[in-house]
Amino acid sequence: AFVLNTAFQHLIPIETIILHPDFL
């Protein structure tokens, strides 16, 4: 199984991009 690595170094900028309203 797979789980999100909340300690991933670039998680915040990646989250900002992928979950930005323009991409939903």
mmCIF file of all heavy atoms, coordinates in Angstrom:
data_MODEL
# 
_entry.id   MODEL 
# 
loop_
_atom_site.group_PDB 
_atom_site.id 
_atom_site.type_symbol 
_atom_site.label_atom_id 
_atom_site.label_alt_id 
_atom_site.label_comp_id 
_atom_site.label_asym_id 
_atom_site.label_entity_id 
_atom_site.label_seq_id 
_atom_site.pdbx_PDB_ins_code 
_atom_site.Cartn_x 
_atom_site.Cartn_y 
_atom_site.Cartn_z 
_atom_site.occupancy 
_atom_site.B_iso_or_equiv 
_atom_site.pdbx_formal_charge 
_atom_site.auth_seq_id 
_atom_site.auth_comp_id 
_atom_site.auth_asym_id 
_atom_site.auth_atom_id 
_atom_site.pdbx_PDB_model_num 
ATOM 1   N N   . ALA A 1 1  ? 0.859   -1.182 0.000   1.00 0.00 ? 1  ALA A N   1 
ATOM 2   C CA  . ALA A 1 1  ? 0.000   0.000  0.000   1.00 0.00 ? 1  ALA A CA  1 
ATOM 3   C C   . ALA A 1 1  ? 0.897   1.235  0.000   1.00 0.00 ? 1  ALA A C   1 
ATOM 4   O O   . ALA A 1 1  ? 2.113   1.142  0.202   1.00 0.00 ? 1  ALA A O   1 
ATOM 5   C CB  . ALA A 1 1  ? -0.911  0.005  1.221   1.00 0.00 ? 1  ALA A CB  1 
ATOM 6   N N   . PHE A 1 2  ? 0.268   2.381  -0.237  1.00 0.00 ? 2  PHE A N   1 
ATOM 7   C CA  . PHE A 1 2  ? 1.038   3.624  -0.302  1.00 0.00 ? 2  PHE A CA  1 
ATOM 8   C C   . PHE A 1 2  ? 0.397   4.673  0.590   1.00 0.00 ? 2  PHE A C   1 
ATOM 9   O O   . PHE A 1 2  ? -0.826  4.741  0.728   1.00 0.00 ? 2  PHE A O   1 
ATOM 10  C CB  . PHE A 1 2  ? 1.104   4.138  -1.744  1.00 0.00 ? 2  PHE A CB  1 
ATOM 11  C CG  . PHE A 1 2  ? 1.848   3.223  -2.676  1.00 0.00 ? 2  PHE A CG  1 
ATOM 12  C CD1 . PHE A 1 2  ? 1.194   2.167  -3.303  1.00 0.00 ? 2  PHE A CD1 1 
ATOM 13  C CD2 . PHE A 1 2  ? 3.197   3.413  -2.925  1.00 0.00 ? 2  PHE A CD2 1 
ATOM 14  C CE1 . PHE A 1 2  ? 1.877   1.316  -4.168  1.00 0.00 ? 2  PHE A CE1 1 
ATOM 15  C CE2 . PHE A 1 2  ? 3.890   2.564  -3.773  1.00 0.00 ? 2  PHE A CE2 1 
ATOM 16  C CZ  . PHE A 1 2  ? 3.235   1.515  -4.397  1.00 0.00 ? 2  PHE A CZ  1 
ATOM 17  N N   . VAL A 1 3  ? 1.248   5.507  1.187   1.00 0.00 ? 3  VAL A N   1 
ATOM 18  C CA  . VAL A 1 3  ? 0.777   6.570  2.065   1.00 0.00 ? 3  VAL A CA  1 
ATOM 19  C C   . VAL A 1 3  ? 1.538   7.848  1.728   1.00 0.00 ? 3  VAL A C   1 
ATOM 20  O O   . VAL A 1 3  ? 2.706   7.800  1.322   1.00 0.00 ? 3  VAL A O   1 
ATOM 21  C CB  . VAL A 1 3  ? 0.987   6.192  3.551   1.00 0.00 ? 3  VAL A CB  1 
ATOM 22  C CG1 . VAL A 1 3  ? 2.461   5.975  3.855   1.00 0.00 ? 3  VAL A CG1 1 
ATOM 23  C CG2 . VAL A 1 3  ? 0.398   7.247  4.463   1.00 0.00 ? 3  VAL A CG2 1 
ATOM 24  N N   . LEU A 1 4  ? 0.881   8.974  1.844   1.00 0.00 ? 4  LEU A N   1 
ATOM 25  C CA  . LEU A 1 4  ? 1.519   10.257 1.563   1.00 0.00 ? 4  LEU A CA  1 
ATOM 26  C C   . LEU A 1 4  ? 2.641   10.513 2.557   1.00 0.00 ? 4  LEU A C   1 
ATOM 27  O O   . LEU A 1 4  ? 2.463   10.358 3.763   1.00 0.00 ? 4  LEU A O   1 
ATOM 28  C CB  . LEU A 1 4  ? 0.480   11.382 1.660   1.00 0.00 ? 4  LEU A CB  1 
ATOM 29  C CG  . LEU A 1 4  ? 0.996   12.810 1.416   1.00 0.00 ? 4  LEU A CG  1 
ATOM 30  C CD1 . LEU A 1 4  ? 1.415   12.978 -0.039  1.00 0.00 ? 4  LEU A CD1 1 
ATOM 31  C CD2 . LEU A 1 4  ? -0.089  13.827 1.772   1.00 0.00 ? 4  LEU A CD2 1 
ATOM 32  N N   . ASN A 1 5  ? 3.792   10.911 2.045   1.00 0.00 ? 5  ASN A N   1 
ATOM 33  C CA  . ASN A 1 5  ? 4.924   11.248 2.892   1.00 0.00 ? 5  ASN A CA  1 
ATOM 34  C C   . ASN A 1 5  ? 4.823   12.718 3.279   1.00 0.00 ? 5  ASN A C   1 
ATOM 35  O O   . ASN A 1 5  ? 5.211   13.604 2.514   1.00 0.00 ? 5  ASN A O   1 
ATOM 36  C CB  . ASN A 1 5  ? 6.240   10.976 2.161   1.00 0.00 ? 5  ASN A CB  1 
ATOM 37  C CG  . ASN A 1 5  ? 7.456   11.314 3.018   1.00 0.00 ? 5  ASN A CG  1 
ATOM 38  O OD1 . ASN A 1 5  ? 7.325   11.586 4.220   1.00 0.00 ? 5  ASN A OD1 1 
ATOM 39  N ND2 . ASN A 1 5  ? 8.627   11.289 2.402   1.00 0.00 ? 5  ASN A ND2 1 
ATOM 40  N N   . THR A 1 6  ? 4.273   12.983 4.451   1.00 0.00 ? 6  THR A N   1 
ATOM 41  C CA  . THR A 1 6  ? 4.050   14.365 4.878   1.00 0.00 ? 6  THR A CA  1 
ATOM 42  C C   . THR A 1 6  ? 5.350   15.100 5.176   1.00 0.00 ? 6  THR A C   1 
ATOM 43  O O   . THR A 1 6  ? 5.346   16.319 5.339   1.00 0.00 ? 6  THR A O   1 
ATOM 44  C CB  . THR A 1 6  ? 3.151   14.396 6.128   1.00 0.00 ? 6  THR A CB  1 
ATOM 45  O OG1 . THR A 1 6  ? 3.751   13.602 7.157   1.00 0.00 ? 6  THR A OG1 1 
ATOM 46  C CG2 . THR A 1 6  ? 1.763   13.848 5.809   1.00 0.00 ? 6  THR A CG2 1 
ATOM 47  N N   . ALA A 1 7  ? 6.463   14.356 5.227   1.00 0.00 ? 7  ALA A N   1 
ATOM 48  C CA  . ALA A 1 7  ? 7.763   14.982 5.465   1.00 0.00 ? 7  ALA A CA  1 
ATOM 49  C C   . ALA A 1 7  ? 8.514   15.242 4.158   1.00 0.00 ? 7  ALA A C   1 
ATOM 50  O O   . ALA A 1 7  ? 9.664   15.694 4.183   1.00 0.00 ? 7  ALA A O   1 
ATOM 51  C CB  . ALA A 1 7  ? 8.599   14.099 6.378   1.00 0.00 ? 7  ALA A CB  1 
ATOM 52  N N   . PHE A 1 8  ? 7.870   14.987 3.032   1.00 0.00 ? 8  PHE A N   1 
ATOM 53  C CA  . PHE A 1 8  ? 8.518   15.198 1.734   1.00 0.00 ? 8  PHE A CA  1 
ATOM 54  C C   . PHE A 1 8  ? 8.928   16.663 1.598   1.00 0.00 ? 8  PHE A C   1 
ATOM 55  O O   . PHE A 1 8  ? 8.132   17.573 1.857   1.00 0.00 ? 8  PHE A O   1 
ATOM 56  C CB  . PHE A 1 8  ? 7.559   14.798 0.610   1.00 0.00 ? 8  PHE A CB  1 
ATOM 57  C CG  . PHE A 1 8  ? 8.135   14.930 -0.771  1.00 0.00 ? 8  PHE A CG  1 
ATOM 58  C CD1 . PHE A 1 8  ? 9.300   14.263 -1.117  1.00 0.00 ? 8  PHE A CD1 1 
ATOM 59  C CD2 . PHE A 1 8  ? 7.513   15.726 -1.719  1.00 0.00 ? 8  PHE A CD2 1 
ATOM 60  C CE1 . PHE A 1 8  ? 9.821   14.370 -2.392  1.00 0.00 ? 8  PHE A CE1 1 
ATOM 61  C CE2 . PHE A 1 8  ? 8.035   15.848 -2.991  1.00 0.00 ? 8  PHE A CE2 1 
ATOM 62  C CZ  . PHE A 1 8  ? 9.197   15.162 -3.334  1.00 0.00 ? 8  PHE A CZ  1 
ATOM 63  N N   . GLN A 1 9  ? 10.150  16.900 1.189   1.00 0.00 ? 9  GLN A N   1 
ATOM 64  C CA  . GLN A 1 9  ? 10.739  18.235 1.190   1.00 0.00 ? 9  GLN A CA  1 
ATOM 65  C C   . GLN A 1 9  ? 9.940   19.264 0.383   1.00 0.00 ? 9  GLN A C   1 
ATOM 66  O O   . GLN A 1 9  ? 9.810   20.419 0.770   1.00 0.00 ? 9  GLN A O   1 
ATOM 67  C CB  . GLN A 1 9  ? 12.167  18.172 0.648   1.00 0.00 ? 9  GLN A CB  1 
ATOM 68  C CG  . GLN A 1 9  ? 12.886  19.516 0.642   1.00 0.00 ? 9  GLN A CG  1 
ATOM 69  C CD  . GLN A 1 9  ? 14.297  19.410 0.075   1.00 0.00 ? 9  GLN A CD  1 
ATOM 70  O OE1 . GLN A 1 9  ? 14.714  18.351 -0.389  1.00 0.00 ? 9  GLN A OE1 1 
ATOM 71  N NE2 . GLN A 1 9  ? 15.039  20.507 0.125   1.00 0.00 ? 9  GLN A NE2 1 
ATOM 72  N N   . HIS A 1 10 ? 9.373   18.834 -0.745  1.00 0.00 ? 10 HIS A N   1 
ATOM 73  C CA  . HIS A 1 10 ? 8.698   19.782 -1.638  1.00 0.00 ? 10 HIS A CA  1 
ATOM 74  C C   . HIS A 1 10 ? 7.176   19.665 -1.588  1.00 0.00 ? 10 HIS A C   1 
ATOM 75  O O   . HIS A 1 10 ? 6.487   20.083 -2.524  1.00 0.00 ? 10 HIS A O   1 
ATOM 76  C CB  . HIS A 1 10 ? 9.179   19.564 -3.081  1.00 0.00 ? 10 HIS A CB  1 
ATOM 77  C CG  . HIS A 1 10 ? 10.670  19.545 -3.219  1.00 0.00 ? 10 HIS A CG  1 
ATOM 78  N ND1 . HIS A 1 10 ? 11.470  20.566 -2.782  1.00 0.00 ? 10 HIS A ND1 1 
ATOM 79  C CD2 . HIS A 1 10 ? 11.496  18.596 -3.727  1.00 0.00 ? 10 HIS A CD2 1 
ATOM 80  C CE1 . HIS A 1 10 ? 12.741  20.263 -3.024  1.00 0.00 ? 10 HIS A CE1 1 
ATOM 81  N NE2 . HIS A 1 10 ? 12.779  19.079 -3.592  1.00 0.00 ? 10 HIS A NE2 1 
ATOM 82  N N   . LEU A 1 11 ? 6.662   19.105 -0.510  1.00 0.00 ? 11 LEU A N   1 
ATOM 83  C CA  . LEU A 1 11 ? 5.223   18.843 -0.437  1.00 0.00 ? 11 LEU A CA  1 
ATOM 84  C C   . LEU A 1 11 ? 4.396   20.124 -0.549  1.00 0.00 ? 11 LEU A C   1 
ATOM 85  O O   . LEU A 1 11 ? 3.403   20.164 -1.279  1.00 0.00 ? 11 LEU A O   1 
ATOM 86  C CB  . LEU A 1 11 ? 4.883   18.132 0.871   1.00 0.00 ? 11 LEU A CB  1 
ATOM 87  C CG  . LEU A 1 11 ? 3.429   17.669 1.019   1.00 0.00 ? 11 LEU A CG  1 
ATOM 88  C CD1 . LEU A 1 11 ? 3.094   16.634 -0.044  1.00 0.00 ? 11 LEU A CD1 1 
ATOM 89  C CD2 . LEU A 1 11 ? 3.178   17.092 2.410   1.00 0.00 ? 11 LEU A CD2 1 
ATOM 90  N N   . ILE A 1 12 ? 4.762   21.176 0.154   1.00 0.00 ? 12 ILE A N   1 
ATOM 91  C CA  . ILE A 1 12 ? 3.969   22.406 0.173   1.00 0.00 ? 12 ILE A CA  1 
ATOM 92  C C   . ILE A 1 12 ? 3.888   23.058 -1.204  1.00 0.00 ? 12 ILE A C   1 
ATOM 93  O O   . ILE A 1 12 ? 2.787   23.383 -1.679  1.00 0.00 ? 12 ILE A O   1 
ATOM 94  C CB  . ILE A 1 12 ? 4.508   23.391 1.229   1.00 0.00 ? 12 ILE A CB  1 
ATOM 95  C CG1 . ILE A 1 12 ? 4.269   22.820 2.633   1.00 0.00 ? 12 ILE A CG1 1 
ATOM 96  C CG2 . ILE A 1 12 ? 3.829   24.752 1.088   1.00 0.00 ? 12 ILE A CG2 1 
ATOM 97  C CD1 . ILE A 1 12 ? 4.807   23.686 3.755   1.00 0.00 ? 12 ILE A CD1 1 
ATOM 98  N N   . PRO A 1 13 ? 5.014   23.288 -1.914  1.00 0.00 ? 13 PRO A N   1 
ATOM 99  C CA  . PRO A 1 13 ? 4.890   23.891 -3.251  1.00 0.00 ? 13 PRO A CA  1 
ATOM 100 C C   . PRO A 1 13 ? 4.142   23.012 -4.235  1.00 0.00 ? 13 PRO A C   1 
ATOM 101 O O   . PRO A 1 13 ? 3.390   23.517 -5.074  1.00 0.00 ? 13 PRO A O   1 
ATOM 102 C CB  . PRO A 1 13 ? 6.344   24.123 -3.684  1.00 0.00 ? 13 PRO A CB  1 
ATOM 103 C CG  . PRO A 1 13 ? 7.165   23.244 -2.809  1.00 0.00 ? 13 PRO A CG  1 
ATOM 104 C CD  . PRO A 1 13 ? 6.428   23.156 -1.512  1.00 0.00 ? 13 PRO A CD  1 
ATOM 105 N N   . ILE A 1 14 ? 4.312   21.694 -4.132  1.00 0.00 ? 14 ILE A N   1 
ATOM 106 C CA  . ILE A 1 14 ? 3.593   20.789 -5.025  1.00 0.00 ? 14 ILE A CA  1 
ATOM 107 C C   . ILE A 1 14 ? 2.096   20.845 -4.743  1.00 0.00 ? 14 ILE A C   1 
ATOM 108 O O   . ILE A 1 14 ? 1.274   20.885 -5.661  1.00 0.00 ? 14 ILE A O   1 
ATOM 109 C CB  . ILE A 1 14 ? 4.126   19.349 -4.874  1.00 0.00 ? 14 ILE A CB  1 
ATOM 110 C CG1 . ILE A 1 14 ? 5.509   19.236 -5.522  1.00 0.00 ? 14 ILE A CG1 1 
ATOM 111 C CG2 . ILE A 1 14 ? 3.158   18.344 -5.512  1.00 0.00 ? 14 ILE A CG2 1 
ATOM 112 C CD1 . ILE A 1 14 ? 6.160   17.884 -5.334  1.00 0.00 ? 14 ILE A CD1 1 
ATOM 113 N N   . GLU A 1 15 ? 1.740   20.861 -3.459  1.00 0.00 ? 15 GLU A N   1 
ATOM 114 C CA  . GLU A 1 15 ? 0.332   20.950 -3.075  1.00 0.00 ? 15 GLU A CA  1 
ATOM 115 C C   . GLU A 1 15 ? -0.276  22.261 -3.568  1.00 0.00 ? 15 GLU A C   1 
ATOM 116 O O   . GLU A 1 15 ? -1.411  22.299 -4.041  1.00 0.00 ? 15 GLU A O   1 
ATOM 117 C CB  . GLU A 1 15 ? 0.200   20.846 -1.559  1.00 0.00 ? 15 GLU A CB  1 
ATOM 118 C CG  . GLU A 1 15 ? -1.239  20.885 -1.061  1.00 0.00 ? 15 GLU A CG  1 
ATOM 119 C CD  . GLU A 1 15 ? -1.326  20.747 0.441   1.00 0.00 ? 15 GLU A CD  1 
ATOM 120 O OE1 . GLU A 1 15 ? -0.365  21.155 1.129   1.00 0.00 ? 15 GLU A OE1 1 
ATOM 121 O OE2 . GLU A 1 15 ? -2.341  20.239 0.934   1.00 0.00 ? 15 GLU A OE2 1 
ATOM 122 N N   . THR A 1 16 ? 0.488   23.348 -3.480  1.00 0.00 ? 16 THR A N   1 
ATOM 123 C CA  . THR A 1 16 ? 0.010   24.651 -3.932  1.00 0.00 ? 16 THR A CA  1 
ATOM 124 C C   . THR A 1 16 ? -0.324  24.623 -5.412  1.00 0.00 ? 16 THR A C   1 
ATOM 125 O O   . THR A 1 16 ? -1.328  25.195 -5.850  1.00 0.00 ? 16 THR A O   1 
ATOM 126 C CB  . THR A 1 16 ? 1.079   25.733 -3.660  1.00 0.00 ? 16 THR A CB  1 
ATOM 127 O OG1 . THR A 1 16 ? 1.346   25.781 -2.257  1.00 0.00 ? 16 THR A OG1 1 
ATOM 128 C CG2 . THR A 1 16 ? 0.597   27.097 -4.123  1.00 0.00 ? 16 THR A CG2 1 
ATOM 129 N N   . ILE A 1 17 ? 0.497   23.947 -6.190  1.00 0.00 ? 17 ILE A N   1 
ATOM 130 C CA  . ILE A 1 17 ? 0.270   23.867 -7.635  1.00 0.00 ? 17 ILE A CA  1 
ATOM 131 C C   . ILE A 1 17 ? -0.903  22.955 -7.962  1.00 0.00 ? 17 ILE A C   1 
ATOM 132 O O   . ILE A 1 17 ? -1.861  23.353 -8.620  1.00 0.00 ? 17 ILE A O   1 
ATOM 133 C CB  . ILE A 1 17 ? 1.537   23.361 -8.356  1.00 0.00 ? 17 ILE A CB  1 
ATOM 134 C CG1 . ILE A 1 17 ? 2.668   24.375 -8.230  1.00 0.00 ? 17 ILE A CG1 1 
ATOM 135 C CG2 . ILE A 1 17 ? 1.232   23.090 -9.831  1.00 0.00 ? 17 ILE A CG2 1 
ATOM 136 C CD1 . ILE A 1 17 ? 3.999   23.882 -8.777  1.00 0.00 ? 17 ILE A CD1 1 
ATOM 137 N N   . ILE A 1 18 ? -0.834  21.721 -7.490  1.00 0.00 ? 18 ILE A N   1 
ATOM 138 C CA  . ILE A 1 18 ? -1.801  20.711 -7.912  1.00 0.00 ? 18 ILE A CA  1 
ATOM 139 C C   . ILE A 1 18 ? -3.200  20.968 -7.370  1.00 0.00 ? 18 ILE A C   1 
ATOM 140 O O   . ILE A 1 18 ? -4.197  20.664 -8.038  1.00 0.00 ? 18 ILE A O   1 
ATOM 141 C CB  . ILE A 1 18 ? -1.316  19.306 -7.497  1.00 0.00 ? 18 ILE A CB  1 
ATOM 142 C CG1 . ILE A 1 18 ? -0.067  18.954 -8.306  1.00 0.00 ? 18 ILE A CG1 1 
ATOM 143 C CG2 . ILE A 1 18 ? -2.399  18.250 -7.722  1.00 0.00 ? 18 ILE A CG2 1 
ATOM 144 C CD1 . ILE A 1 18 ? 0.479   17.577 -8.029  1.00 0.00 ? 18 ILE A CD1 1 
ATOM 145 N N   . LEU A 1 19 ? -3.313  21.544 -6.178  1.00 0.00 ? 19 LEU A N   1 
ATOM 146 C CA  . LEU A 1 19 ? -4.630  21.805 -5.608  1.00 0.00 ? 19 LEU A CA  1 
ATOM 147 C C   . LEU A 1 19 ? -5.104  23.232 -5.837  1.00 0.00 ? 19 LEU A C   1 
ATOM 148 O O   . LEU A 1 19 ? -6.130  23.638 -5.289  1.00 0.00 ? 19 LEU A O   1 
ATOM 149 C CB  . LEU A 1 19 ? -4.626  21.501 -4.100  1.00 0.00 ? 19 LEU A CB  1 
ATOM 150 C CG  . LEU A 1 19 ? -4.360  20.055 -3.703  1.00 0.00 ? 19 LEU A CG  1 
ATOM 151 C CD1 . LEU A 1 19 ? -4.574  19.868 -2.212  1.00 0.00 ? 19 LEU A CD1 1 
ATOM 152 C CD2 . LEU A 1 19 ? -5.223  19.083 -4.497  1.00 0.00 ? 19 LEU A CD2 1 
ATOM 153 N N   . HIS A 1 20 ? -4.393  23.973 -6.651  1.00 0.00 ? 20 HIS A N   1 
ATOM 154 C CA  . HIS A 1 20 ? -4.858  25.326 -6.977  1.00 0.00 ? 20 HIS A CA  1 
ATOM 155 C C   . HIS A 1 20 ? -6.193  25.215 -7.717  1.00 0.00 ? 20 HIS A C   1 
ATOM 156 O O   . HIS A 1 20 ? -6.385  24.313 -8.537  1.00 0.00 ? 20 HIS A O   1 
ATOM 157 C CB  . HIS A 1 20 ? -3.830  26.053 -7.842  1.00 0.00 ? 20 HIS A CB  1 
ATOM 158 C CG  . HIS A 1 20 ? -4.145  27.499 -8.057  1.00 0.00 ? 20 HIS A CG  1 
ATOM 159 N ND1 . HIS A 1 20 ? -4.948  27.931 -9.093  1.00 0.00 ? 20 HIS A ND1 1 
ATOM 160 C CD2 . HIS A 1 20 ? -3.809  28.596 -7.351  1.00 0.00 ? 20 HIS A CD2 1 
ATOM 161 C CE1 . HIS A 1 20 ? -5.073  29.248 -9.012  1.00 0.00 ? 20 HIS A CE1 1 
ATOM 162 N NE2 . HIS A 1 20 ? -4.394  29.676 -7.970  1.00 0.00 ? 20 HIS A NE2 1 
ATOM 163 N N   . PRO A 1 21 ? -7.147  26.121 -7.441  1.00 0.00 ? 21 PRO A N   1 
ATOM 164 C CA  . PRO A 1 21 ? -8.475  26.059 -8.069  1.00 0.00 ? 21 PRO A CA  1 
ATOM 165 C C   . PRO A 1 21 ? -8.451  25.949 -9.587  1.00 0.00 ? 21 PRO A C   1 
ATOM 166 O O   . PRO A 1 21 ? -9.331  25.329 -10.184 1.00 0.00 ? 21 PRO A O   1 
ATOM 167 C CB  . PRO A 1 21 ? -9.128  27.374 -7.625  1.00 0.00 ? 21 PRO A CB  1 
ATOM 168 C CG  . PRO A 1 21 ? -8.484  27.662 -6.312  1.00 0.00 ? 21 PRO A CG  1 
ATOM 169 C CD  . PRO A 1 21 ? -7.061  27.211 -6.444  1.00 0.00 ? 21 PRO A CD  1 
ATOM 170 N N   . ASP A 1 22 ? -7.449  26.529 -10.239 1.00 0.00 ? 22 ASP A N   1 
ATOM 171 C CA  . ASP A 1 22 ? -7.389  26.485 -11.698 1.00 0.00 ? 22 ASP A CA  1 
ATOM 172 C C   . ASP A 1 22 ? -7.257  25.072 -12.233 1.00 0.00 ? 22 ASP A C   1 
ATOM 173 O O   . ASP A 1 22 ? -7.573  24.802 -13.397 1.00 0.00 ? 22 ASP A O   1 
ATOM 174 C CB  . ASP A 1 22 ? -6.211  27.318 -12.212 1.00 0.00 ? 22 ASP A CB  1 
ATOM 175 C CG  . ASP A 1 22 ? -6.461  28.804 -12.073 1.00 0.00 ? 22 ASP A CG  1 
ATOM 176 O OD1 . ASP A 1 22 ? -7.580  29.180 -11.650 1.00 0.00 ? 22 ASP A OD1 1 
ATOM 177 O OD2 . ASP A 1 22 ? -5.556  29.595 -12.373 1.00 0.00 ? 22 ASP A OD2 1 
ATOM 178 N N   . PHE A 1 23 ? -6.780  24.136 -11.413 1.00 0.00 ? 23 PHE A N   1 
ATOM 179 C CA  . PHE A 1 23 ? -6.554  22.777 -11.873 1.00 0.00 ? 23 PHE A CA  1 
ATOM 180 C C   . PHE A 1 23 ? -7.620  21.793 -11.420 1.00 0.00 ? 23 PHE A C   1 
ATOM 181 O O   . PHE A 1 23 ? -7.498  20.604 -11.628 1.00 0.00 ? 23 PHE A O   1 
ATOM 182 C CB  . PHE A 1 23 ? -5.175  22.298 -11.423 1.00 0.00 ? 23 PHE A CB  1 
ATOM 183 C CG  . PHE A 1 23 ? -4.058  23.099 -11.996 1.00 0.00 ? 23 PHE A CG  1 
ATOM 184 C CD1 . PHE A 1 23 ? -3.123  23.679 -11.181 1.00 0.00 ? 23 PHE A CD1 1 
ATOM 185 C CD2 . PHE A 1 23 ? -3.967  23.291 -13.363 1.00 0.00 ? 23 PHE A CD2 1 
ATOM 186 C CE1 . PHE A 1 23 ? -2.099  24.439 -11.714 1.00 0.00 ? 23 PHE A CE1 1 
ATOM 187 C CE2 . PHE A 1 23 ? -2.955  24.053 -13.904 1.00 0.00 ? 23 PHE A CE2 1 
ATOM 188 C CZ  . PHE A 1 23 ? -2.011  24.634 -13.081 1.00 0.00 ? 23 PHE A CZ  1 
ATOM 189 N N   . LEU A 1 24 ? -8.654  22.285 -10.778 1.00 0.00 ? 24 LEU A N   1 
ATOM 190 C CA  . LEU A 1 24 ? -9.730  21.403 -10.333 1.00 0.00 ? 24 LEU A CA  1 
ATOM 191 C C   . LEU A 1 24 ? -10.863 21.324 -11.353 1.00 0.00 ? 24 LEU A C   1 
ATOM 192 O O   . LEU A 1 24 ? -11.916 20.778 -11.076 1.00 0.00 ? 24 LEU A O   1 
ATOM 193 C CB  . LEU A 1 24 ? -10.252 21.860 -8.964  1.00 0.00 ? 24 LEU A CB  1 
ATOM 194 C CG  . LEU A 1 24 ? -9.258  21.673 -7.822  1.00 0.00 ? 24 LEU A CG  1 
ATOM 195 C CD1 . LEU A 1 24 ? -9.836  22.177 -6.507  1.00 0.00 ? 24 LEU A CD1 1 
ATOM 196 C CD2 . LEU A 1 24 ? -8.870  20.203 -7.670  1.00 0.00 ? 24 LEU A CD2 1 
# 
